[in-house]
Amino acid sequence: MASFFHIVFVGAILAAIGAASWFLFPKGQNQTLLRTSTLLTLTACYLMWAITYLAQLHPLISRSPTMPLAFHLYIAAHVLIYFRPSAL
């Protein structure tokens, strides 16, 4: 239940920052662009943070008592090799 409050608390802070930025940008030719860019940036950062935070709370792959540690290290090594960028 504590994770729910973290997500809502950070969301409320970012919503306040977004609302403040909406009203603080000066009127001008680029006002719409600045508002849109700021709100999209805040939204993207919030979503990335929330997904990462929740993924750490409830991982899809976790160590079970039936699997030895060597198996998990084997899987981790293969994942690193698979996702390593290729040298050009």
PDB file of N, CA and C in Angstrom:
ATOM      1  N   MET A   1       0.815  -1.195   0.000  1.00  0.00           N
ATOM      2  CA  MET A   1       0.000   0.000   0.000  1.00  0.00           C
ATOM      3  C   MET A   1       0.859   1.259   0.000  1.00  0.00           C
ATOM      4  N   ALA A   2       2.052   1.153   0.536  1.00  0.00           N
ATOM      5  CA  ALA A   2       2.934   2.320   0.569  1.00  0.00           C
ATOM      6  C   ALA A   2       3.352   2.733  -0.834  1.00  0.00           C
ATOM      7  N   SER A   3       3.468   1.768  -1.743  1.00  0.00           N
ATOM      8  CA  SER A   3       3.879   2.112  -3.103  1.00  0.00           C
ATOM      9  C   SER A   3       2.815   2.969  -3.791  1.00  0.00           C
ATOM     10  N   PHE A   4       1.551   2.749  -3.471  1.00  0.00           N
ATOM     11  CA  PHE A   4       0.475   3.556  -4.047  1.00  0.00           C
ATOM     12  C   PHE A   4       0.642   5.024  -3.662  1.00  0.00           C
ATOM     13  N   PHE A   5       0.988   5.265  -2.411  1.00  0.00           N
ATOM     14  CA  PHE A   5       1.156   6.639  -1.953  1.00  0.00           C
ATOM     15  C   PHE A   5       2.367   7.306  -2.598  1.00  0.00           C
ATOM     16  N   HIS A   6       3.435   6.552  -2.834  1.00  0.00           N
ATOM     17  CA  HIS A   6       4.596   7.120  -3.518  1.00  0.00           C
ATOM     18  C   HIS A   6       4.230   7.544  -4.936  1.00  0.00           C
ATOM     19  N   ILE A   7       3.519   6.671  -5.629  1.00  0.00           N
ATOM     20  CA  ILE A   7       3.128   6.973  -7.006  1.00  0.00           C
ATOM     21  C   ILE A   7       2.224   8.208  -7.048  1.00  0.00           C
ATOM     22  N   VAL A   8       1.252   8.277  -6.157  1.00  0.00           N
ATOM     23  CA  VAL A   8       0.321   9.410  -6.133  1.00  0.00           C
ATOM     24  C   VAL A   8       1.034  10.688  -5.687  1.00  0.00           C
ATOM     25  N   PHE A   9       1.920  10.582  -4.700  1.00  0.00           N
ATOM     26  CA  PHE A   9       2.632  11.754  -4.191  1.00  0.00           C
ATOM     27  C   PHE A   9       3.517  12.372  -5.272  1.00  0.00           C
ATOM     28  N   VAL A  10       4.298  11.548  -5.946  1.00  0.00           N
ATOM     29  CA  VAL A  10       5.159  12.061  -7.017  1.00  0.00           C
ATOM     30  C   VAL A  10       4.305  12.594  -8.168  1.00  0.00           C
ATOM     31  N   GLY A  11       3.202  11.917  -8.471  1.00  0.00           N
ATOM     32  CA  GLY A  11       2.301  12.404  -9.513  1.00  0.00           C
ATOM     33  C   GLY A  11       1.707  13.764  -9.167  1.00  0.00           C
ATOM     34  N   ALA A  12       1.358  13.961  -7.902  1.00  0.00           N
ATOM     35  CA  ALA A  12       0.807  15.251  -7.479  1.00  0.00           C
ATOM     36  C   ALA A  12       1.856  16.357  -7.570  1.00  0.00           C
ATOM     37  N   ILE A  13       3.087  16.036  -7.202  1.00  0.00           N
ATOM     38  CA  ILE A  13       4.162  17.030  -7.309  1.00  0.00           C
ATOM     39  C   ILE A  13       4.381  17.420  -8.768  1.00  0.00           C
ATOM     40  N   LEU A  14       4.427  16.427  -9.649  1.00  0.00           N
ATOM     41  CA  LEU A  14       4.638  16.728 -11.063  1.00  0.00           C
ATOM     42  C   LEU A  14       3.437  17.448 -11.673  1.00  0.00           C
ATOM     43  N   ALA A  15       2.240  17.137 -11.204  1.00  0.00           N
ATOM     44  CA  ALA A  15       1.060  17.865 -11.683  1.00  0.00           C
ATOM     45  C   ALA A  15       1.125  19.331 -11.249  1.00  0.00           C
ATOM     46  N   ALA A  16       1.604  19.577 -10.038  1.00  0.00           N
ATOM     47  CA  ALA A  16       1.753  20.958  -9.569  1.00  0.00           C
ATOM     48  C   ALA A  16       2.813  21.703 -10.378  1.00  0.00           C
ATOM     49  N   ILE A  17       3.913  21.017 -10.680  1.00  0.00           N
ATOM     50  CA  ILE A  17       4.953  21.640 -11.511  1.00  0.00           C
ATOM     51  C   ILE A  17       4.408  21.929 -12.905  1.00  0.00           C
ATOM     52  N   GLY A  18       3.642  20.990 -13.453  1.00  0.00           N
ATOM     53  CA  GLY A  18       3.046  21.201 -14.771  1.00  0.00           C
ATOM     54  C   GLY A  18       2.061  22.356 -14.778  1.00  0.00           C
ATOM     55  N   ALA A  19       1.240  22.452 -13.733  1.00  0.00           N
ATOM     56  CA  ALA A  19       0.280  23.556 -13.655  1.00  0.00           C
ATOM     57  C   ALA A  19       1.002  24.888 -13.490  1.00  0.00           C
ATOM     58  N   ALA A  20       2.057  24.899 -12.682  1.00  0.00           N
ATOM     59  CA  ALA A  20       2.818  26.137 -12.506  1.00  0.00           C
ATOM     60  C   ALA A  20       3.494  26.552 -13.807  1.00  0.00           C
ATOM     61  N   SER A  21       4.049  25.581 -14.505  1.00  0.00           N
ATOM     62  CA  SER A  21       4.717  25.921 -15.768  1.00  0.00           C
ATOM     63  C   SER A  21       3.707  26.402 -16.811  1.00  0.00           C
ATOM     64  N   TRP A  22       2.490  25.908 -16.735  1.00  0.00           N
ATOM     65  CA  TRP A  22       1.450  26.327 -17.683  1.00  0.00           C
ATOM     66  C   TRP A  22       1.174  27.830 -17.546  1.00  0.00           C
ATOM     67  N   PHE A  23       1.137  28.305 -16.304  1.00  0.00           N
ATOM     68  CA  PHE A  23       0.802  29.706 -16.073  1.00  0.00           C
ATOM     69  C   PHE A  23       2.018  30.629 -16.062  1.00  0.00           C
ATOM     70  N   LEU A  24       3.210  30.100 -15.874  1.00  0.00           N
ATOM     71  CA  LEU A  24       4.389  30.953 -15.757  1.00  0.00           C
ATOM     72  C   LEU A  24       5.076  31.265 -17.079  1.00  0.00           C
ATOM     73  N   PHE A  25       4.766  30.527 -18.128  1.00  0.00           N
ATOM     74  CA  PHE A  25       5.400  30.833 -19.407  1.00  0.00           C
ATOM     75  C   PHE A  25       4.857  32.156 -19.940  1.00  0.00           C
ATOM     76  N   PRO A  26       5.747  33.009 -20.420  1.00  0.00           N
ATOM     77  CA  PRO A  26       5.283  34.310 -20.925  1.00  0.00           C
ATOM     78  C   PRO A  26       4.535  34.164 -22.248  1.00  0.00           C
ATOM     79  N   LYS A  27       3.659  35.108 -22.468  1.00  0.00           N
ATOM     80  CA  LYS A  27       2.914  35.096 -23.732  1.00  0.00           C
ATOM     81  C   LYS A  27       3.869  35.443 -24.861  1.00  0.00           C
ATOM     82  N   GLY A  28       3.665  34.757 -25.950  1.00  0.00           N
ATOM     83  CA  GLY A  28       4.535  35.014 -27.084  1.00  0.00           C
ATOM     84  C   GLY A  28       4.262  34.017 -28.186  1.00  0.00           C
ATOM     85  N   GLN A  29       5.148  34.031 -29.144  1.00  0.00           N
ATOM     86  CA  GLN A  29       4.961  33.190 -30.315  1.00  0.00           C
ATOM     87  C   GLN A  29       5.140  31.711 -29.985  1.00  0.00           C
ATOM     88  N   ASN A  30       6.025  31.380 -29.047  1.00  0.00           N
ATOM     89  CA  ASN A  30       6.340  29.983 -28.739  1.00  0.00           C
ATOM     90  C   ASN A  30       5.676  29.483 -27.458  1.00  0.00           C
ATOM     91  N   GLN A  31       4.680  30.161 -26.965  1.00  0.00           N
ATOM     92  CA  GLN A  31       4.055  29.770 -25.702  1.00  0.00           C
ATOM     93  C   GLN A  31       3.446  28.368 -25.777  1.00  0.00           C
ATOM     94  N   THR A  32       2.755  28.061 -26.835  1.00  0.00           N
ATOM     95  CA  THR A  32       2.134  26.743 -26.982  1.00  0.00           C
ATOM     96  C   THR A  32       3.186  25.654 -27.076  1.00  0.00           C
ATOM     97  N   LEU A  33       4.244  25.925 -27.803  1.00  0.00           N
ATOM     98  CA  LEU A  33       5.324  24.953 -27.935  1.00  0.00           C
ATOM     99  C   LEU A  33       5.991  24.686 -26.594  1.00  0.00           C
ATOM    100  N   LEU A  34       6.257  25.731 -25.833  1.00  0.00           N
ATOM    101  CA  LEU A  34       6.901  25.570 -24.531  1.00  0.00           C
ATOM    102  C   LEU A  34       6.002  24.816 -23.553  1.00  0.00           C
ATOM    103  N   ARG A  35       4.728  25.144 -23.539  1.00  0.00           N
ATOM    104  CA  ARG A  35       3.794  24.446 -22.648  1.00  0.00           C
ATOM    105  C   ARG A  35       3.698  22.961 -23.004  1.00  0.00           C
ATOM    106  N   THR A  36       3.547  22.686 -24.279  1.00  0.00           N
ATOM    107  CA  THR A  36       3.417  21.299 -24.722  1.00  0.00           C
ATOM    108  C   THR A  36       4.683  20.510 -24.440  1.00  0.00           C
ATOM    109  N   SER A  37       5.824  21.104 -24.717  1.00  0.00           N
ATOM    110  CA  SER A  37       7.096  20.419 -24.478  1.00  0.00           C
ATOM    111  C   SER A  37       7.297  20.121 -22.998  1.00  0.00           C
ATOM    112  N   THR A  38       6.974  21.087 -22.156  1.00  0.00           N
ATOM    113  CA  THR A  38       7.142  20.887 -20.717  1.00  0.00           C
ATOM    114  C   THR A  38       6.223  19.791 -20.198  1.00  0.00           C
ATOM    115  N   LEU A  39       4.962  19.826 -20.587  1.00  0.00           N
ATOM    116  CA  LEU A  39       4.016  18.824 -20.093  1.00  0.00           C
ATOM    117  C   LEU A  39       4.336  17.430 -20.629  1.00  0.00           C
ATOM    118  N   LEU A  40       4.751  17.337 -21.876  1.00  0.00           N
ATOM    119  CA  LEU A  40       5.136  16.032 -22.423  1.00  0.00           C
ATOM    120  C   LEU A  40       6.391  15.485 -21.749  1.00  0.00           C
ATOM    121  N   THR A  41       7.346  16.354 -21.449  1.00  0.00           N
ATOM    122  CA  THR A  41       8.559  15.927 -20.759  1.00  0.00           C
ATOM    123  C   THR A  41       8.239  15.432 -19.357  1.00  0.00           C
ATOM    124  N   LEU A  42       7.423  16.176 -18.628  1.00  0.00           N
ATOM    125  CA  LEU A  42       7.039  15.746 -17.280  1.00  0.00           C
ATOM    126  C   LEU A  42       6.281  14.421 -17.317  1.00  0.00           C
ATOM    127  N   THR A  43       5.391  14.262 -18.273  1.00  0.00           N
ATOM    128  CA  THR A  43       4.623  13.022 -18.385  1.00  0.00           C
ATOM    129  C   THR A  43       5.515  11.841 -18.715  1.00  0.00           C
ATOM    130  N   ALA A  44       6.431  12.021 -19.655  1.00  0.00           N
ATOM    131  CA  ALA A  44       7.328  10.925 -20.038  1.00  0.00           C
ATOM    132  C   ALA A  44       8.245  10.530 -18.885  1.00  0.00           C
ATOM    133  N   CYS A  45       8.779  11.523 -18.180  1.00  0.00           N
ATOM    134  CA  CYS A  45       9.654  11.218 -17.039  1.00  0.00           C
ATOM    135  C   CYS A  45       8.877  10.520 -15.923  1.00  0.00           C
ATOM    136  N   TYR A  46       7.650  10.973 -15.673  1.00  0.00           N
ATOM    137  CA  TYR A  46       6.838  10.343 -14.632  1.00  0.00           C
ATOM    138  C   TYR A  46       6.510   8.895 -14.988  1.00  0.00           C
ATOM    139  N   LEU A  47       6.130   8.652 -16.229  1.00  0.00           N
ATOM    140  CA  LEU A  47       5.808   7.281 -16.637  1.00  0.00           C
ATOM    141  C   LEU A  47       7.029   6.375 -16.545  1.00  0.00           C
ATOM    142  N   MET A  48       8.182   6.867 -16.962  1.00  0.00           N
ATOM    143  CA  MET A  48       9.399   6.065 -16.880  1.00  0.00           C
ATOM    144  C   MET A  48       9.733   5.753 -15.427  1.00  0.00           C
ATOM    145  N   TRP A  49       9.636   6.748 -14.565  1.00  0.00           N
ATOM    146  CA  TRP A  49       9.925   6.524 -13.152  1.00  0.00           C
ATOM    147  C   TRP A  49       8.922   5.544 -12.539  1.00  0.00           C
ATOM    148  N   ALA A  50       7.636   5.729 -12.810  1.00  0.00           N
ATOM    149  CA  ALA A  50       6.607   4.881 -12.204  1.00  0.00           C
ATOM    150  C   ALA A  50       6.739   3.433 -12.663  1.00  0.00           C
ATOM    151  N   ILE A  51       6.994   3.219 -13.941  1.00  0.00           N
ATOM    152  CA  ILE A  51       7.137   1.850 -14.447  1.00  0.00           C
ATOM    153  C   ILE A  51       8.364   1.185 -13.850  1.00  0.00           C
ATOM    154  N   THR A  52       9.471   1.919 -13.774  1.00  0.00           N
ATOM    155  CA  THR A  52      10.692   1.361 -13.184  1.00  0.00           C
ATOM    156  C   THR A  52      10.488   1.066 -11.704  1.00  0.00           C
ATOM    157  N   TYR A  53       9.847   1.972 -10.990  1.00  0.00           N
ATOM    158  CA  TYR A  53       9.600   1.791  -9.558  1.00  0.00           C
ATOM    159  C   TYR A  53       8.705   0.576  -9.306  1.00  0.00           C
ATOM    160  N   LEU A  54       7.637   0.458 -10.067  1.00  0.00           N
ATOM    161  CA  LEU A  54       6.726  -0.665  -9.871  1.00  0.00           C
ATOM    162  C   LEU A  54       7.340  -1.984 -10.323  1.00  0.00           C
ATOM    163  N   ALA A  55       8.190  -1.951 -11.340  1.00  0.00           N
ATOM    164  CA  ALA A  55       8.854  -3.180 -11.789  1.00  0.00           C
ATOM    165  C   ALA A  55       9.830  -3.688 -10.737  1.00  0.00           C
ATOM    166  N   GLN A  56      10.431  -2.796  -9.979  1.00  0.00           N
ATOM    167  CA  GLN A  56      11.326  -3.228  -8.917  1.00  0.00           C
ATOM    168  C   GLN A  56      10.550  -3.774  -7.723  1.00  0.00           C
ATOM    169  N   LEU A  57       9.339  -3.298  -7.528  1.00  0.00           N
ATOM    170  CA  LEU A  57       8.527  -3.805  -6.420  1.00  0.00           C
ATOM    171  C   LEU A  57       7.994  -5.205  -6.700  1.00  0.00           C
ATOM    172  N   HIS A  58       7.638  -5.463  -7.950  1.00  0.00           N
ATOM    173  CA  HIS A  58       7.061  -6.748  -8.334  1.00  0.00           C
ATOM    174  C   HIS A  58       7.783  -7.297  -9.559  1.00  0.00           C
ATOM    175  N   PRO A  59       8.981  -7.846  -9.378  1.00  0.00           N
ATOM    176  CA  PRO A  59       9.733  -8.334 -10.543  1.00  0.00           C
ATOM    177  C   PRO A  59       9.075  -9.563 -11.161  1.00  0.00           C
ATOM    178  N   LEU A  60       9.218  -9.690 -12.485  1.00  0.00           N
ATOM    179  CA  LEU A  60       8.656 -10.846 -13.172  1.00  0.00           C
ATOM    180  C   LEU A  60       9.498 -12.095 -12.932  1.00  0.00           C
ATOM    181  N   ILE A  61      10.811 -11.924 -12.870  1.00  0.00           N
ATOM    182  CA  ILE A  61      11.710 -13.049 -12.632  1.00  0.00           C
ATOM    183  C   ILE A  61      12.312 -12.868 -11.251  1.00  0.00           C
ATOM    184  N   SER A  62      12.047 -13.803 -10.391  1.00  0.00           N
ATOM    185  CA  SER A  62      12.622 -13.739  -9.056  1.00  0.00           C
ATOM    186  C   SER A  62      13.238 -15.083  -8.716  1.00  0.00           C
ATOM    187  N   ARG A  63      14.106 -15.062  -7.763  1.00  0.00           N
ATOM    188  CA  ARG A  63      14.793 -16.275  -7.365  1.00  0.00           C
ATOM    189  C   ARG A  63      13.840 -17.148  -6.548  1.00  0.00           C
ATOM    190  N   SER A  64      13.705 -18.375  -6.962  1.00  0.00           N
ATOM    191  CA  SER A  64      12.852 -19.301  -6.229  1.00  0.00           C
ATOM    192  C   SER A  64      13.732 -20.309  -5.499  1.00  0.00           C
ATOM    193  N   PRO A  65      13.240 -20.901  -4.434  1.00  0.00           N
ATOM    194  CA  PRO A  65      14.059 -21.851  -3.678  1.00  0.00           C
ATOM    195  C   PRO A  65      14.404 -23.113  -4.473  1.00  0.00           C
ATOM    196  N   THR A  66      13.634 -23.427  -5.500  1.00  0.00           N
ATOM    197  CA  THR A  66      13.902 -24.651  -6.250  1.00  0.00           C
ATOM    198  C   THR A  66      15.012 -24.475  -7.276  1.00  0.00           C
ATOM    199  N   MET A  67      15.290 -23.240  -7.690  1.00  0.00           N
ATOM    200  CA  MET A  67      16.333 -23.002  -8.683  1.00  0.00           C
ATOM    201  C   MET A  67      17.626 -22.591  -7.990  1.00  0.00           C
ATOM    202  N   PRO A  68      18.729 -23.203  -8.359  1.00  0.00           N
ATOM    203  CA  PRO A  68      19.998 -22.830  -7.737  1.00  0.00           C
ATOM    204  C   PRO A  68      20.491 -21.475  -8.250  1.00  0.00           C
ATOM    205  N   LEU A  69      21.408 -20.892  -7.517  1.00  0.00           N
ATOM    206  CA  LEU A  69      21.956 -19.595  -7.881  1.00  0.00           C
ATOM    207  C   LEU A  69      22.698 -19.661  -9.208  1.00  0.00           C
ATOM    208  N   ALA A  70      23.338 -20.777  -9.493  1.00  0.00           N
ATOM    209  CA  ALA A  70      24.098 -20.913 -10.737  1.00  0.00           C
ATOM    210  C   ALA A  70      23.185 -20.761 -11.954  1.00  0.00           C
ATOM    211  N   PHE A  71      21.963 -21.260 -11.865  1.00  0.00           N
ATOM    212  CA  PHE A  71      21.028 -21.130 -12.978  1.00  0.00           C
ATOM    213  C   PHE A  71      20.681 -19.661 -13.232  1.00  0.00           C
ATOM    214  N   HIS A  72      20.465 -18.899 -12.168  1.00  0.00           N
ATOM    215  CA  HIS A  72      20.152 -17.483 -12.316  1.00  0.00           C
ATOM    216  C   HIS A  72      21.335 -16.715 -12.896  1.00  0.00           C
ATOM    217  N   LEU A  73      22.543 -17.064 -12.496  1.00  0.00           N
ATOM    218  CA  LEU A  73      23.725 -16.417 -13.067  1.00  0.00           C
ATOM    219  C   LEU A  73      23.869 -16.765 -14.542  1.00  0.00           C
ATOM    220  N   TYR A  74      23.552 -18.000 -14.905  1.00  0.00           N
ATOM    221  CA  TYR A  74      23.605 -18.434 -16.302  1.00  0.00           C
ATOM    222  C   TYR A  74      22.620 -17.625 -17.146  1.00  0.00           C
ATOM    223  N   ILE A  75      21.404 -17.457 -16.652  1.00  0.00           N
ATOM    224  CA  ILE A  75      20.387 -16.686 -17.368  1.00  0.00           C
ATOM    225  C   ILE A  75      20.822 -15.224 -17.485  1.00  0.00           C
ATOM    226  N   ALA A  76      21.341 -14.652 -16.408  1.00  0.00           N
ATOM    227  CA  ALA A  76      21.765 -13.252 -16.432  1.00  0.00           C
ATOM    228  C   ALA A  76      22.895 -13.035 -17.429  1.00  0.00           C
ATOM    229  N   ALA A  77      23.827 -13.975 -17.508  1.00  0.00           N
ATOM    230  CA  ALA A  77      24.938 -13.844 -18.452  1.00  0.00           C
ATOM    231  C   ALA A  77      24.432 -13.897 -19.889  1.00  0.00           C
ATOM    232  N   HIS A  78      23.479 -14.765 -20.161  1.00  0.00           N
ATOM    233  CA  HIS A  78      22.958 -14.868 -21.519  1.00  0.00           C
ATOM    234  C   HIS A  78      22.123 -13.646 -21.901  1.00  0.00           C
ATOM    235  N   VAL A  79      21.434 -13.075 -20.960  1.00  0.00           N
ATOM    236  CA  VAL A  79      20.671 -11.860 -21.237  1.00  0.00           C
ATOM    237  C   VAL A  79      21.626 -10.720 -21.561  1.00  0.00           C
ATOM    238  N   LEU A  80      22.725 -10.610 -20.814  1.00  0.00           N
ATOM    239  CA  LEU A  80      23.699  -9.551 -21.087  1.00  0.00           C
ATOM    240  C   LEU A  80      24.342  -9.725 -22.453  1.00  0.00           C
ATOM    241  N   ILE A  81      24.632 -10.958 -22.828  1.00  0.00           N
ATOM    242  CA  ILE A  81      25.241 -11.212 -24.130  1.00  0.00           C
ATOM    243  C   ILE A  81      24.243 -10.904 -25.242  1.00  0.00           C
ATOM    244  N   TYR A  82      22.988 -11.258 -25.034  1.00  0.00           N
ATOM    245  CA  TYR A  82      21.971 -11.065 -26.067  1.00  0.00           C
ATOM    246  C   TYR A  82      21.701  -9.587 -26.324  1.00  0.00           C
ATOM    247  N   PHE A  83      21.651  -8.784 -25.264  1.00  0.00           N
ATOM    248  CA  PHE A  83      21.313  -7.375 -25.405  1.00  0.00           C
ATOM    249  C   PHE A  83      22.525  -6.463 -25.541  1.00  0.00           C
ATOM    250  N   ARG A  84      23.725  -7.019 -25.648  1.00  0.00           N
ATOM    251  CA  ARG A  84      24.926  -6.207 -25.810  1.00  0.00           C
ATOM    252  C   ARG A  84      24.918  -5.601 -27.210  1.00  0.00           C
ATOM    253  N   PRO A  85      25.215  -4.312 -27.318  1.00  0.00           N
ATOM    254  CA  PRO A  85      25.243  -3.716 -28.657  1.00  0.00           C
ATOM    255  C   PRO A  85      26.395  -4.288 -29.476  1.00  0.00           C
ATOM    256  N   SER A  86      26.127  -4.514 -30.726  1.00  0.00           N
ATOM    257  CA  SER A  86      27.152  -5.105 -31.583  1.00  0.00           C
ATOM    258  C   SER A  86      28.170  -4.046 -31.973  1.00  0.00           C
ATOM    259  N   ALA A  87      29.415  -4.465 -32.045  1.00  0.00           N
ATOM    260  CA  ALA A  87      30.491  -3.552 -32.438  1.00  0.00           C
ATOM    261  C   ALA A  87      30.526  -3.456 -33.955  1.00  0.00           C
ATOM    262  N   LEU A  88      30.512  -2.265 -34.454  1.00  0.00           N
ATOM    263  CA  LEU A  88      30.528  -2.056 -35.906  1.00  0.00           C
ATOM    264  C   LEU A  88      31.917  -1.741 -36.383  1.00  0.00           C
TER     265      LEU A  88
END
